[in-house]
Amino acid sequence: MKTLFISDLDGTLLTAKETISAYSLGELNRMIDENGLQFTYATARSLNSAAKACWGLRQNLPVVLYNGALIMQPATREVLYNNHFSYEQLVFLKGEFERFGLHPLIYSFSGGNERVSWMQGKETSGVLRYLDRRRGDVRFRPIQGEQDLFGDDFFYFTCISAKEDLDGLYASVCSRADFKCIYERETYHTDYWCEIMPAGTSKGTAAVRLKEFLHADRLVVFGDAPNDREMFLCADESYAVKNADEDLKAIATGVIGYSEEDAVAKFIAANLNKYI
């Protein structure tokens, strides 16, 4: 049987330094090269951010980005799947951002080029940190007004701020069935992220599409957080790391070691013969 392995990144495959350890990198690349391991990742990150964190990993398969909003080929940046907002959804969100005094990061495509736009001068400390850590990112496009956004294909919004600033927006968006909202504390900081996407967007939906695209017979996934839930539910086997959310552990096929101890690479290496 052809098995596709998909791992979450932050808190699962990556260490607290936001990189893959030398051991995991070596083991995964060895299995990809010598055993034909079909391995990729599903993350809330963009391709730029994920590729930096996974530098050195054989990224020869498409990857799942923005919590399932996109599937892309890393080498060519070809978009294989894009779940974007309707005009009516955008009108509603614009009104809610204004009502709660929020200025999101806006993810879109224009002429095939990926953009991350934001209202210049309205950044929160969390947004400033996000931008500073990604200096030189070719996607970045500060704007002065909404007129600068016309013609774009929008697929994701992210607000980064203190929880009390975002609770109202989260409640409003969640009251509608045509949106999906992921509301979590940032893995390495105290700010909260309110990430908004069209309903139907999930790592699970994207993982199944990728499984079909690659003609895989079996899907095995790894994760640690609530945004991995749909991926766990649609997989043939799912494994939570020990540092994972307790609710995720409850629906997992099994619980493996800690992310800081190379749990994903060690599990695959120890059980590879079962899958090939």
C-alpha atoms as a PDB file:
ATOM      1  CA  MET A   1       0.000   0.000   0.000  1.00  0.00           C
ATOM      2  CA  LYS A   2       1.162   3.534  -0.746  1.00  0.00           C
ATOM      3  CA  THR A   3       1.142   5.539   2.483  1.00  0.00           C
ATOM      4  CA  LEU A   4       1.173   9.331   2.676  1.00  0.00           C
ATOM      5  CA  PHE A   5       2.542  10.785   5.931  1.00  0.00           C
ATOM      6  CA  ILE A   6       1.503  14.335   6.828  1.00  0.00           C
ATOM      7  CA  SER A   7       2.825  16.123   9.915  1.00  0.00           C
ATOM      8  CA  ASP A   8       1.853  19.372  11.541  1.00  0.00           C
ATOM      9  CA  LEU A   9       4.865  21.657  12.076  1.00  0.00           C
ATOM     10  CA  ASP A  10       4.767  23.852  15.210  1.00  0.00           C
ATOM     11  CA  GLY A  11       4.609  21.776  18.359  1.00  0.00           C
ATOM     12  CA  THR A  12       4.837  18.524  16.395  1.00  0.00           C
ATOM     13  CA  LEU A  13       7.698  18.255  13.906  1.00  0.00           C
ATOM     14  CA  LEU A  14       9.465  21.484  14.878  1.00  0.00           C
ATOM     15  CA  THR A  15      11.342  22.184  18.091  1.00  0.00           C
ATOM     16  CA  ALA A  16      10.816  25.287  20.233  1.00  0.00           C
ATOM     17  CA  LYS A  17      13.518  26.921  18.091  1.00  0.00           C
ATOM     18  CA  GLU A  18      11.061  26.673  15.166  1.00  0.00           C
ATOM     19  CA  THR A  19      13.306  24.349  13.187  1.00  0.00           C
ATOM     20  CA  ILE A  20      13.545  20.633  12.491  1.00  0.00           C
ATOM     21  CA  SER A  21      16.274  19.096  14.616  1.00  0.00           C
ATOM     22  CA  ALA A  22      19.386  17.774  12.901  1.00  0.00           C
ATOM     23  CA  TYR A  23      18.415  14.246  13.908  1.00  0.00           C
ATOM     24  CA  SER A  24      14.880  14.435  12.480  1.00  0.00           C
ATOM     25  CA  LEU A  25      16.141  16.120   9.331  1.00  0.00           C
ATOM     26  CA  GLY A  26      18.690  13.397   8.755  1.00  0.00           C
ATOM     27  CA  GLU A  27      16.288  10.541   9.455  1.00  0.00           C
ATOM     28  CA  LEU A  28      13.455  11.907   7.307  1.00  0.00           C
ATOM     29  CA  ASN A  29      15.737  12.690   4.366  1.00  0.00           C
ATOM     30  CA  ARG A  30      17.324   9.256   4.632  1.00  0.00           C
ATOM     31  CA  MET A  31      13.932   7.539   4.500  1.00  0.00           C
ATOM     32  CA  ILE A  32      12.769   9.743   1.623  1.00  0.00           C
ATOM     33  CA  ASP A  33      15.931   8.965  -0.372  1.00  0.00           C
ATOM     34  CA  GLU A  34      16.413   5.299   0.524  1.00  0.00           C
ATOM     35  CA  ASN A  35      12.899   4.037   1.183  1.00  0.00           C
ATOM     36  CA  GLY A  36      10.716   6.296  -0.953  1.00  0.00           C
ATOM     37  CA  LEU A  37       8.983   7.748   2.103  1.00  0.00           C
ATOM     38  CA  GLN A  38       6.037   9.942   1.049  1.00  0.00           C
ATOM     39  CA  PHE A  39       6.264  12.710   3.643  1.00  0.00           C
ATOM     40  CA  THR A  40       4.971  16.259   3.718  1.00  0.00           C
ATOM     41  CA  TYR A  41       3.436  18.736   6.164  1.00  0.00           C
ATOM     42  CA  ALA A  42       0.211  20.607   6.928  1.00  0.00           C
ATOM     43  CA  THR A  43       0.601  23.902   8.736  1.00  0.00           C
ATOM     44  CA  ALA A  44      -1.006  27.225   9.576  1.00  0.00           C
ATOM     45  CA  ARG A  45       2.120  28.859   8.168  1.00  0.00           C
ATOM     46  CA  SER A  46       2.670  30.293   4.698  1.00  0.00           C
ATOM     47  CA  LEU A  47       5.035  28.610   2.275  1.00  0.00           C
ATOM     48  CA  ASN A  48       7.735  31.194   2.986  1.00  0.00           C
ATOM     49  CA  SER A  49       7.573  30.666   6.728  1.00  0.00           C
ATOM     50  CA  ALA A  50       7.234  26.888   6.521  1.00  0.00           C
ATOM     51  CA  ALA A  51      10.085  26.499   4.039  1.00  0.00           C
ATOM     52  CA  LYS A  52      12.375  28.515   6.316  1.00  0.00           C
ATOM     53  CA  ALA A  53      11.462  26.352   9.315  1.00  0.00           C
ATOM     54  CA  CYS A  54      11.949  23.164   7.264  1.00  0.00           C
ATOM     55  CA  TRP A  55      15.151  24.245   5.547  1.00  0.00           C
ATOM     56  CA  GLY A  56      17.049  21.183   4.359  1.00  0.00           C
ATOM     57  CA  LEU A  57      14.047  18.843   4.275  1.00  0.00           C
ATOM     58  CA  ARG A  58      13.361  17.091   0.965  1.00  0.00           C
ATOM     59  CA  GLN A  59      10.188  18.944   0.018  1.00  0.00           C
ATOM     60  CA  ASN A  60       9.369  16.945  -3.099  1.00  0.00           C
ATOM     61  CA  LEU A  61       5.613  16.678  -2.416  1.00  0.00           C
ATOM     62  CA  PRO A  62       2.938  19.387  -2.299  1.00  0.00           C
ATOM     63  CA  VAL A  63       2.383  20.991   1.101  1.00  0.00           C
ATOM     64  CA  VAL A  64      -0.764  22.098   2.955  1.00  0.00           C
ATOM     65  CA  LEU A  65      -0.665  25.744   4.063  1.00  0.00           C
ATOM     66  CA  TYR A  66      -2.778  28.260   5.989  1.00  0.00           C
ATOM     67  CA  ASN A  67      -4.613  25.495   7.890  1.00  0.00           C
ATOM     68  CA  GLY A  68      -5.788  23.940   4.625  1.00  0.00           C
ATOM     69  CA  ALA A  69      -6.708  27.032   2.618  1.00  0.00           C
ATOM     70  CA  LEU A  70      -3.968  26.232   0.074  1.00  0.00           C
ATOM     71  CA  ILE A  71      -2.107  23.270  -1.344  1.00  0.00           C
ATOM     72  CA  MET A  72       1.075  24.321  -3.142  1.00  0.00           C
ATOM     73  CA  GLN A  73       4.080  22.820  -4.876  1.00  0.00           C
ATOM     74  CA  PRO A  74       7.075  24.193  -2.898  1.00  0.00           C
ATOM     75  CA  ALA A  75       9.554  24.287  -5.792  1.00  0.00           C
ATOM     76  CA  THR A  76       7.315  25.987  -8.363  1.00  0.00           C
ATOM     77  CA  ARG A  77       4.823  27.716  -6.012  1.00  0.00           C
ATOM     78  CA  GLU A  78       2.045  26.308  -8.180  1.00  0.00           C
ATOM     79  CA  VAL A  79      -1.304  26.462  -6.366  1.00  0.00           C
ATOM     80  CA  LEU A  80      -3.108  23.113  -6.583  1.00  0.00           C
ATOM     81  CA  TYR A  81      -6.024  24.091  -4.343  1.00  0.00           C
ATOM     82  CA  ASN A  82      -7.355  27.454  -3.128  1.00  0.00           C
ATOM     83  CA  ASN A  83     -10.523  27.875  -1.046  1.00  0.00           C
ATOM     84  CA  HIS A  84     -11.286  31.613  -1.267  1.00  0.00           C
ATOM     85  CA  PHE A  85     -13.979  33.990   0.089  1.00  0.00           C
ATOM     86  CA  SER A  86     -17.099  35.104  -1.774  1.00  0.00           C
ATOM     87  CA  TYR A  87     -17.904  38.788  -2.263  1.00  0.00           C
ATOM     88  CA  GLU A  88     -20.712  38.592   0.329  1.00  0.00           C
ATOM     89  CA  GLN A  89     -18.352  37.087   2.907  1.00  0.00           C
ATOM     90  CA  LEU A  90     -15.828  39.860   2.325  1.00  0.00           C
ATOM     91  CA  VAL A  91     -18.469  42.561   2.810  1.00  0.00           C
ATOM     92  CA  PHE A  92     -19.506  41.023   6.145  1.00  0.00           C
ATOM     93  CA  LEU A  93     -15.925  40.699   7.387  1.00  0.00           C
ATOM     94  CA  LYS A  94     -15.063  44.261   6.409  1.00  0.00           C
ATOM     95  CA  GLY A  95     -17.964  45.487   8.554  1.00  0.00           C
ATOM     96  CA  GLU A  96     -16.945  43.346  11.528  1.00  0.00           C
ATOM     97  CA  PHE A  97     -13.303  44.449  11.391  1.00  0.00           C
ATOM     98  CA  GLU A  98     -14.519  48.066  11.463  1.00  0.00           C
ATOM     99  CA  ARG A  99     -16.999  47.381  14.284  1.00  0.00           C
ATOM    100  CA  PHE A 100     -14.330  45.909  16.543  1.00  0.00           C
ATOM    101  CA  GLY A 101     -11.561  48.314  15.508  1.00  0.00           C
ATOM    102  CA  LEU A 102      -9.343  45.574  14.099  1.00  0.00           C
ATOM    103  CA  HIS A 103      -6.890  45.655  11.201  1.00  0.00           C
ATOM    104  CA  PRO A 104      -6.062  42.163   9.985  1.00  0.00           C
ATOM    105  CA  LEU A 105      -3.309  40.691   7.925  1.00  0.00           C
ATOM    106  CA  ILE A 106      -4.944  40.039   4.554  1.00  0.00           C
ATOM    107  CA  TYR A 107      -3.844  37.039   2.487  1.00  0.00           C
ATOM    108  CA  SER A 108      -4.669  37.027  -1.203  1.00  0.00           C
ATOM    109  CA  PHE A 109      -3.592  36.289  -4.739  1.00  0.00           C
ATOM    110  CA  SER A 110      -3.353  38.896  -7.478  1.00  0.00           C
ATOM    111  CA  GLY A 111      -2.328  37.833 -10.959  1.00  0.00           C
ATOM    112  CA  GLY A 112      -1.021  34.571  -9.531  1.00  0.00           C
ATOM    113  CA  ASN A 113       1.183  36.358  -6.990  1.00  0.00           C
ATOM    114  CA  GLU A 114       0.631  35.749  -3.285  1.00  0.00           C
ATOM    115  CA  ARG A 115       0.252  38.857  -1.137  1.00  0.00           C
ATOM    116  CA  VAL A 116       0.124  39.668   2.552  1.00  0.00           C
ATOM    117  CA  SER A 117      -1.366  43.136   2.977  1.00  0.00           C
ATOM    118  CA  TRP A 118      -2.038  45.260   6.044  1.00  0.00           C
ATOM    119  CA  MET A 119      -3.059  48.801   6.896  1.00  0.00           C
ATOM    120  CA  GLN A 120       0.162  50.691   7.460  1.00  0.00           C
ATOM    121  CA  GLY A 121       0.279  52.513  10.787  1.00  0.00           C
ATOM    122  CA  LYS A 122      -2.435  50.339  12.356  1.00  0.00           C
ATOM    123  CA  GLU A 123      -0.284  47.374  13.353  1.00  0.00           C
ATOM    124  CA  THR A 124      -0.620  45.717  16.772  1.00  0.00           C
ATOM    125  CA  SER A 125       2.532  44.611  18.582  1.00  0.00           C
ATOM    126  CA  GLY A 126       1.761  41.056  17.483  1.00  0.00           C
ATOM    127  CA  VAL A 127       1.506  42.076  13.842  1.00  0.00           C
ATOM    128  CA  LEU A 128       4.732  44.078  14.111  1.00  0.00           C
ATOM    129  CA  ARG A 129       6.482  41.018  15.508  1.00  0.00           C
ATOM    130  CA  TYR A 130       5.071  38.906  12.682  1.00  0.00           C
ATOM    131  CA  LEU A 131       6.371  41.390  10.101  1.00  0.00           C
ATOM    132  CA  ASP A 132       9.758  41.832  11.780  1.00  0.00           C
ATOM    133  CA  ARG A 133      10.436  38.114  11.858  1.00  0.00           C
ATOM    134  CA  ARG A 134       9.737  37.944   8.117  1.00  0.00           C
ATOM    135  CA  ARG A 135      11.665  40.956   6.881  1.00  0.00           C
ATOM    136  CA  GLY A 136      12.251  40.907   3.150  1.00  0.00           C
ATOM    137  CA  ASP A 137       9.223  38.692   2.481  1.00  0.00           C
ATOM    138  CA  VAL A 138       8.258  39.337  -1.143  1.00  0.00           C
ATOM    139  CA  ARG A 139       4.574  38.827  -0.310  1.00  0.00           C
ATOM    140  CA  PHE A 140       4.411  41.896   1.939  1.00  0.00           C
ATOM    141  CA  ARG A 141       2.385  44.855   0.675  1.00  0.00           C
ATOM    142  CA  PRO A 142       1.519  47.651   3.124  1.00  0.00           C
ATOM    143  CA  ILE A 143      -1.573  49.568   2.018  1.00  0.00           C
ATOM    144  CA  GLN A 144      -3.012  53.005   2.737  1.00  0.00           C
ATOM    145  CA  GLY A 145      -6.659  52.193   2.083  1.00  0.00           C
ATOM    146  CA  GLU A 146      -9.064  49.521   0.894  1.00  0.00           C
ATOM    147  CA  GLN A 147      -8.865  50.787  -2.684  1.00  0.00           C
ATOM    148  CA  ASP A 148      -5.420  49.172  -2.852  1.00  0.00           C
ATOM    149  CA  LEU A 149      -7.028  45.751  -2.465  1.00  0.00           C
ATOM    150  CA  PHE A 150      -9.350  45.748  -5.473  1.00  0.00           C
ATOM    151  CA  GLY A 151      -8.956  42.852  -7.878  1.00  0.00           C
ATOM    152  CA  ASP A 152      -7.458  40.453  -5.365  1.00  0.00           C
ATOM    153  CA  ASP A 153      -8.567  36.891  -4.580  1.00  0.00           C
ATOM    154  CA  PHE A 154      -8.813  36.720  -0.771  1.00  0.00           C
ATOM    155  CA  PHE A 155      -8.490  33.424   1.083  1.00  0.00           C
ATOM    156  CA  TYR A 156      -7.399  34.163   4.691  1.00  0.00           C
ATOM    157  CA  PHE A 157      -7.490  36.863   7.379  1.00  0.00           C
ATOM    158  CA  THR A 158      -5.465  36.916  10.596  1.00  0.00           C
ATOM    159  CA  CYS A 159      -5.817  39.267  13.559  1.00  0.00           C
ATOM    160  CA  ILE A 160      -3.051  39.130  16.178  1.00  0.00           C
ATOM    161  CA  SER A 161      -3.705  40.829  19.504  1.00  0.00           C
ATOM    162  CA  ALA A 162      -4.601  40.312  23.151  1.00  0.00           C
ATOM    163  CA  LYS A 163      -7.462  37.878  23.714  1.00  0.00           C
ATOM    164  CA  GLU A 164      -9.814  40.539  25.064  1.00  0.00           C
ATOM    165  CA  ASP A 165      -9.447  42.499  21.818  1.00  0.00           C
ATOM    166  CA  LEU A 166     -10.462  39.536  19.683  1.00  0.00           C
ATOM    167  CA  ASP A 167     -13.241  37.817  21.653  1.00  0.00           C
ATOM    168  CA  GLY A 168     -16.007  39.872  20.029  1.00  0.00           C
ATOM    169  CA  LEU A 169     -14.840  39.218  16.489  1.00  0.00           C
ATOM    170  CA  TYR A 170     -14.468  35.510  17.198  1.00  0.00           C
ATOM    171  CA  ALA A 171     -18.018  35.258  18.571  1.00  0.00           C
ATOM    172  CA  SER A 172     -19.444  37.156  15.596  1.00  0.00           C
ATOM    173  CA  VAL A 173     -17.674  35.081  12.957  1.00  0.00           C
ATOM    174  CA  CYS A 174     -18.549  31.823  14.693  1.00  0.00           C
ATOM    175  CA  SER A 175     -22.244  32.754  14.649  1.00  0.00           C
ATOM    176  CA  ARG A 176     -22.282  32.191  10.885  1.00  0.00           C
ATOM    177  CA  ALA A 177     -22.106  28.830   9.148  1.00  0.00           C
ATOM    178  CA  ASP A 178     -20.193  30.084   6.104  1.00  0.00           C
ATOM    179  CA  PHE A 179     -16.970  30.808   7.996  1.00  0.00           C
ATOM    180  CA  LYS A 180     -14.400  28.835   9.887  1.00  0.00           C
ATOM    181  CA  CYS A 181     -12.392  30.505  12.630  1.00  0.00           C
ATOM    182  CA  ILE A 182      -9.348  29.194  14.471  1.00  0.00           C
ATOM    183  CA  TYR A 183      -8.773  31.033  17.734  1.00  0.00           C
ATOM    184  CA  GLU A 184      -5.650  30.053  19.615  1.00  0.00           C
ATOM    185  CA  ARG A 185      -2.828  31.435  21.660  1.00  0.00           C
ATOM    186  CA  GLU A 186       0.358  31.726  19.640  1.00  0.00           C
ATOM    187  CA  THR A 187       2.636  28.739  20.219  1.00  0.00           C
ATOM    188  CA  TYR A 188       5.668  30.744  21.327  1.00  0.00           C
ATOM    189  CA  HIS A 189       4.067  33.984  22.685  1.00  0.00           C
ATOM    190  CA  THR A 190       1.094  35.238  24.740  1.00  0.00           C
ATOM    191  CA  ASP A 191      -0.825  36.942  21.901  1.00  0.00           C
ATOM    192  CA  TYR A 192      -3.880  35.261  20.401  1.00  0.00           C
ATOM    193  CA  TRP A 193      -4.429  34.672  16.704  1.00  0.00           C
ATOM    194  CA  CYS A 194      -7.936  34.869  15.232  1.00  0.00           C
ATOM    195  CA  GLU A 195      -7.645  33.238  11.815  1.00  0.00           C
ATOM    196  CA  ILE A 196     -10.660  33.416   9.509  1.00  0.00           C
ATOM    197  CA  MET A 197     -11.271  31.362   6.383  1.00  0.00           C
ATOM    198  CA  PRO A 198     -14.239  30.115   4.347  1.00  0.00           C
ATOM    199  CA  ALA A 199     -16.257  27.208   5.746  1.00  0.00           C
ATOM    200  CA  GLY A 200     -14.924  23.887   4.554  1.00  0.00           C
ATOM    201  CA  THR A 201     -11.325  24.972   4.936  1.00  0.00           C
ATOM    202  CA  SER A 202      -9.364  22.565   7.103  1.00  0.00           C
ATOM    203  CA  LYS A 203      -6.193  20.552   7.204  1.00  0.00           C
ATOM    204  CA  GLY A 204      -8.446  17.515   6.934  1.00  0.00           C
ATOM    205  CA  THR A 205     -10.110  18.587   3.681  1.00  0.00           C
ATOM    206  CA  ALA A 206      -6.751  19.489   2.178  1.00  0.00           C
ATOM    207  CA  ALA A 207      -5.113  16.277   3.400  1.00  0.00           C
ATOM    208  CA  VAL A 208      -7.789  14.151   1.719  1.00  0.00           C
ATOM    209  CA  ARG A 209      -7.416  16.115  -1.517  1.00  0.00           C
ATOM    210  CA  LEU A 210      -3.664  15.616  -1.399  1.00  0.00           C
ATOM    211  CA  LYS A 211      -4.080  11.901  -0.695  1.00  0.00           C
ATOM    212  CA  GLU A 212      -6.277  11.622  -3.790  1.00  0.00           C
ATOM    213  CA  PHE A 213      -3.952  13.770  -5.891  1.00  0.00           C
ATOM    214  CA  LEU A 214      -0.998  11.532  -5.030  1.00  0.00           C
ATOM    215  CA  HIS A 215      -3.056   8.311  -5.413  1.00  0.00           C
ATOM    216  CA  ALA A 216      -2.110   7.203  -1.905  1.00  0.00           C
ATOM    217  CA  ASP A 217      -3.898   4.262  -0.314  1.00  0.00           C
ATOM    218  CA  ARG A 218      -3.414   5.259   3.310  1.00  0.00           C
ATOM    219  CA  LEU A 219      -3.075   8.541   5.204  1.00  0.00           C
ATOM    220  CA  VAL A 220      -1.075   8.739   8.458  1.00  0.00           C
ATOM    221  CA  VAL A 221      -0.946  12.085  10.264  1.00  0.00           C
ATOM    222  CA  PHE A 222       0.744  13.711  13.266  1.00  0.00           C
ATOM    223  CA  GLY A 223      -0.303  16.751  15.274  1.00  0.00           C
ATOM    224  CA  ASP A 224      -0.611  18.558  18.586  1.00  0.00           C
ATOM    225  CA  ALA A 225      -3.302  21.245  18.460  1.00  0.00           C
ATOM    226  CA  PRO A 226      -7.065  21.751  17.923  1.00  0.00           C
ATOM    227  CA  ASN A 227      -6.478  22.836  14.308  1.00  0.00           C
ATOM    228  CA  ASP A 228      -5.274  19.282  13.626  1.00  0.00           C
ATOM    229  CA  ARG A 229      -8.604  17.752  14.681  1.00  0.00           C
ATOM    230  CA  GLU A 230     -10.172  17.491  11.199  1.00  0.00           C
ATOM    231  CA  MET A 231      -6.970  15.968   9.857  1.00  0.00           C
ATOM    232  CA  PHE A 232      -7.056  13.347  12.626  1.00  0.00           C
ATOM    233  CA  LEU A 233     -10.690  12.508  11.895  1.00  0.00           C
ATOM    234  CA  CYS A 234     -10.153  11.956   8.168  1.00  0.00           C
ATOM    235  CA  ALA A 235      -6.893   9.979   8.441  1.00  0.00           C
ATOM    236  CA  ASP A 236      -6.491   6.230   8.446  1.00  0.00           C
ATOM    237  CA  GLU A 237      -4.138   6.590  11.417  1.00  0.00           C
ATOM    238  CA  SER A 238      -3.430   9.640  13.578  1.00  0.00           C
ATOM    239  CA  TYR A 239      -0.746  10.154  16.214  1.00  0.00           C
ATOM    240  CA  ALA A 240      -0.585  12.928  18.795  1.00  0.00           C
ATOM    241  CA  VAL A 241       2.695  13.959  20.383  1.00  0.00           C
ATOM    242  CA  LYS A 242       2.856  13.828  24.201  1.00  0.00           C
ATOM    243  CA  ASN A 243       2.747  17.612  24.433  1.00  0.00           C
ATOM    244  CA  ALA A 244      -0.502  17.680  22.415  1.00  0.00           C
ATOM    245  CA  ASP A 245      -3.889  19.046  23.403  1.00  0.00           C
ATOM    246  CA  GLU A 246      -5.734  16.488  25.546  1.00  0.00           C
ATOM    247  CA  ASP A 247      -8.823  16.533  23.331  1.00  0.00           C
ATOM    248  CA  LEU A 248      -6.663  15.681  20.331  1.00  0.00           C
ATOM    249  CA  LYS A 249      -5.046  12.801  22.199  1.00  0.00           C
ATOM    250  CA  ALA A 250      -8.525  11.454  22.912  1.00  0.00           C
ATOM    251  CA  ILE A 251      -9.310  10.941  19.200  1.00  0.00           C
ATOM    252  CA  ALA A 252      -5.823   9.804  18.136  1.00  0.00           C
ATOM    253  CA  THR A 253      -4.896   6.293  17.085  1.00  0.00           C
ATOM    254  CA  GLY A 254      -2.027   6.604  19.542  1.00  0.00           C
ATOM    255  CA  VAL A 255       0.230   8.967  21.464  1.00  0.00           C
ATOM    256  CA  ILE A 256       3.937   9.107  20.612  1.00  0.00           C
ATOM    257  CA  GLY A 257       6.872  10.993  22.185  1.00  0.00           C
ATOM    258  CA  TYR A 258       7.443  14.703  22.647  1.00  0.00           C
ATOM    259  CA  SER A 259       8.041  17.096  19.751  1.00  0.00           C
ATOM    260  CA  GLU A 260      11.322  18.139  21.368  1.00  0.00           C
ATOM    261  CA  GLU A 261      12.480  14.512  21.279  1.00  0.00           C
ATOM    262  CA  ASP A 262      12.045  13.854  17.528  1.00  0.00           C
ATOM    263  CA  ALA A 263       8.846  11.875  18.053  1.00  0.00           C
ATOM    264  CA  VAL A 264       7.608  11.980  14.452  1.00  0.00           C
ATOM    265  CA  ALA A 265      10.867  10.899  12.813  1.00  0.00           C
ATOM    266  CA  LYS A 266      11.456   8.187  15.428  1.00  0.00           C
ATOM    267  CA  PHE A 267       7.947   6.789  15.033  1.00  0.00           C
ATOM    268  CA  ILE A 268       8.174   6.590  11.251  1.00  0.00           C
ATOM    269  CA  ALA A 269      11.659   5.048  11.368  1.00  0.00           C
ATOM    270  CA  ALA A 270      10.571   2.422  13.894  1.00  0.00           C
ATOM    271  CA  ASN A 271       7.424   1.476  11.969  1.00  0.00           C
ATOM    272  CA  LEU A 272       8.372   2.079   8.344  1.00  0.00           C
ATOM    273  CA  ASN A 273       8.305  -1.590   7.409  1.00  0.00           C
ATOM    274  CA  LYS A 274       4.642  -1.680   8.374  1.00  0.00           C
ATOM    275  CA  TYR A 275       3.798   0.949   5.756  1.00  0.00           C
ATOM    276  CA  ILE A 276       5.904  -0.012   2.723  1.00  0.00           C
END
